[in-house]
N, C-alpha and C. Protein backbone atom coordinates (compact mmCIF):
# COMPACT_ATOMS: atom_id res chain seq x y z
N UNK A 1 -15.26 -0.45 -75.16
CA UNK A 1 -15.44 -1.38 -76.14
C UNK A 1 -14.70 -2.19 -76.97
N UNK A 2 -13.77 -2.77 -76.37
CA UNK A 2 -12.81 -4.05 -77.44
C UNK A 2 -12.07 -3.89 -78.22
N UNK A 3 -12.16 -2.74 -78.82
CA UNK A 3 -12.00 -2.52 -80.14
C UNK A 3 -10.97 -1.47 -80.72
N UNK A 4 -9.97 -1.61 -81.62
CA UNK A 4 -8.36 -0.71 -81.38
C UNK A 4 -9.62 1.08 -81.41
N UNK A 5 -8.61 1.92 -81.18
CA UNK A 5 -8.67 3.36 -81.24
C UNK A 5 -8.75 3.82 -83.22
N UNK A 6 -8.43 2.79 -84.13
CA UNK A 6 -8.07 3.34 -85.52
C UNK A 6 -9.42 2.53 -85.78
N UNK A 7 -10.34 1.49 -85.11
CA UNK A 7 -11.45 0.95 -85.40
C UNK A 7 -12.51 2.27 -85.00
N UNK A 8 -12.98 2.78 -83.96
CA UNK A 8 -13.66 4.00 -83.92
C UNK A 8 -13.30 5.48 -84.74
N UNK A 9 -12.36 5.68 -84.90
CA UNK A 9 -11.70 6.97 -86.25
C UNK A 9 -12.68 5.77 -87.31
N UNK A 10 -12.13 4.58 -87.68
CA UNK A 10 -12.92 4.69 -88.87
C UNK A 10 -14.45 4.49 -88.76
N UNK A 11 -15.22 4.56 -88.33
CA UNK A 11 -16.52 3.84 -87.51
C UNK A 11 -16.78 6.01 -88.06
N UNK A 12 -16.30 6.54 -87.38
CA UNK A 12 -16.52 7.41 -87.17
C UNK A 12 -16.58 8.31 -88.59
N UNK A 13 -14.97 8.11 -89.01
CA UNK A 13 -14.93 8.80 -90.73
C UNK A 13 -16.36 8.41 -91.77
N UNK A 14 -16.52 6.74 -91.04
CA UNK A 14 -17.87 5.98 -91.81
C UNK A 14 -19.32 6.78 -91.45
N UNK A 15 -19.20 7.09 -90.67
CA UNK A 15 -20.56 7.88 -89.44
C UNK A 15 -21.40 6.44 -89.50
N UNK A 16 -20.68 4.97 -89.27
CA UNK A 16 -21.66 4.13 -88.56
C UNK A 16 -21.89 4.48 -86.82
N UNK A 17 -20.63 5.81 -86.06
CA UNK A 17 -21.46 5.95 -84.64
C UNK A 17 -21.41 6.86 -84.59
N UNK A 18 -22.73 7.16 -83.69
CA UNK A 18 -23.00 8.48 -83.12
C UNK A 18 -21.73 9.26 -82.54
N UNK A 19 -21.53 10.46 -83.23
CA UNK A 19 -20.12 11.20 -82.73
C UNK A 19 -20.78 12.94 -82.06
N UNK A 20 -20.20 13.61 -81.90
CA UNK A 20 -20.20 15.12 -81.73
C UNK A 20 -18.33 15.74 -82.42
N UNK A 21 -18.43 16.38 -83.11
CA UNK A 21 -17.16 17.22 -83.07
C UNK A 21 -17.23 18.02 -82.09
N UNK A 22 -16.11 18.91 -81.36
CA UNK A 22 -15.73 20.03 -81.06
C UNK A 22 -15.01 20.91 -81.08
N UNK A 23 -15.07 21.83 -81.57
CA UNK A 23 -13.47 22.82 -81.71
C UNK A 23 -12.53 22.36 -82.62
N UNK A 24 -13.57 21.68 -83.60
CA UNK A 24 -13.02 21.40 -84.80
C UNK A 24 -12.60 19.66 -84.93
N UNK A 25 -11.95 19.13 -85.23
CA UNK A 25 -11.50 17.79 -84.72
C UNK A 25 -11.43 16.65 -84.42
N UNK A 26 -11.74 17.45 -82.90
CA UNK A 26 -11.59 16.91 -81.42
C UNK A 26 -13.37 16.00 -81.95
N UNK A 27 -13.21 14.94 -81.28
CA UNK A 27 -14.28 13.83 -80.91
C UNK A 27 -15.31 13.60 -79.44
N UNK A 28 -16.46 13.93 -80.18
CA UNK A 28 -16.71 13.08 -78.35
C UNK A 28 -17.89 12.68 -78.38
N UNK A 29 -17.96 11.46 -77.75
CA UNK A 29 -19.78 10.51 -77.57
C UNK A 29 -20.19 10.58 -76.47
N UNK A 30 -21.41 10.58 -76.61
CA UNK A 30 -22.66 10.28 -75.30
C UNK A 30 -22.23 9.26 -75.14
N UNK A 31 -22.53 8.71 -73.49
CA UNK A 31 -22.80 7.38 -73.31
C UNK A 31 -23.95 6.89 -73.13
N UNK A 32 -24.84 7.48 -73.43
CA UNK A 32 -26.32 6.85 -74.13
C UNK A 32 -26.22 6.51 -75.76
N UNK A 33 -25.30 7.33 -76.33
CA UNK A 33 -25.16 6.58 -77.71
C UNK A 33 -24.75 5.48 -78.18
N UNK A 34 -23.27 5.86 -77.25
CA UNK A 34 -22.46 4.45 -77.10
C UNK A 34 -22.70 3.51 -76.45
N UNK A 35 -24.07 3.52 -75.44
CA UNK A 35 -24.25 2.33 -75.28
C UNK A 35 -25.58 1.32 -76.58
N UNK A 36 -26.26 2.21 -77.02
CA UNK A 36 -27.13 1.84 -77.79
C UNK A 36 -26.20 1.16 -78.97
N UNK A 37 -25.24 1.77 -79.23
CA UNK A 37 -24.80 1.08 -80.32
C UNK A 37 -24.19 0.50 -79.86
N UNK A 38 -23.53 -0.08 -79.05
CA UNK A 38 -23.24 -1.43 -78.89
C UNK A 38 -23.60 -2.69 -78.48
N UNK A 39 -24.90 -2.08 -78.29
CA UNK A 39 -26.06 -2.79 -77.45
C UNK A 39 -26.27 -4.06 -78.85
N UNK A 40 -26.71 -2.31 -80.14
CA UNK A 40 -27.16 -2.99 -81.21
C UNK A 40 -25.99 -3.86 -81.79
N UNK A 41 -24.64 -3.56 -81.97
CA UNK A 41 -23.48 -4.03 -82.79
C UNK A 41 -23.84 -5.96 -82.05
N UNK A 42 -23.87 -5.78 -80.78
CA UNK A 42 -23.84 -7.05 -80.62
C UNK A 42 -25.13 -8.41 -81.07
N UNK A 43 -26.53 -7.39 -81.50
CA UNK A 43 -27.40 -8.27 -81.90
C UNK A 43 -26.98 -8.33 -83.10
N UNK A 44 -26.44 -8.13 -84.21
CA UNK A 44 -25.30 -8.33 -85.43
C UNK A 44 -24.82 -9.23 -85.14
N UNK A 45 -23.78 -9.24 -84.38
CA UNK A 45 -22.88 -10.31 -84.29
C UNK A 45 -23.74 -12.04 -83.80
N UNK A 46 -24.28 -11.54 -82.57
CA UNK A 46 -25.24 -12.59 -82.52
C UNK A 46 -26.29 -13.36 -83.87
N UNK A 47 -26.89 -12.09 -84.84
CA UNK A 47 -27.39 -12.71 -85.66
C UNK A 47 -26.97 -13.16 -86.75
N UNK A 48 -25.71 -12.79 -86.97
CA UNK A 48 -24.37 -12.98 -88.32
C UNK A 48 -24.11 -14.76 -87.70
N UNK A 49 -24.00 -14.90 -86.67
CA UNK A 49 -22.93 -16.17 -85.56
C UNK A 49 -24.04 -17.51 -85.56
N UNK A 50 -25.73 -17.36 -85.59
CA UNK A 50 -26.47 -17.63 -85.39
C UNK A 50 -27.15 -18.43 -86.83
N UNK A 51 -26.71 -18.20 -88.03
CA UNK A 51 -26.92 -18.33 -89.63
C UNK A 51 -25.56 -19.55 -89.76
N UNK A 52 -26.74 -20.78 -90.08
CA UNK A 52 -26.34 -21.75 -90.03
C UNK A 52 -24.88 -22.07 -91.05
N UNK A 53 -23.90 -22.67 -91.28
CA UNK A 53 -22.75 -22.37 -92.56
C UNK A 53 -23.36 -23.16 -93.16
N UNK A 54 -22.09 -23.13 -94.80
CA UNK A 54 -23.19 -23.62 -95.99
C UNK A 54 -22.32 -24.25 -96.40
């Protein structure tokens, strides 16, 4: 995804990225969930970058 492992753990902690907990602390991601998350993240970045600078 192009981000650090620490960033992914932060997103999980903040419940910002869809994930599954397996056997306690193990974290798993469904490919479809990651693809939709990644697509929505790109849209947010594109929106912010399209805003005019004051």
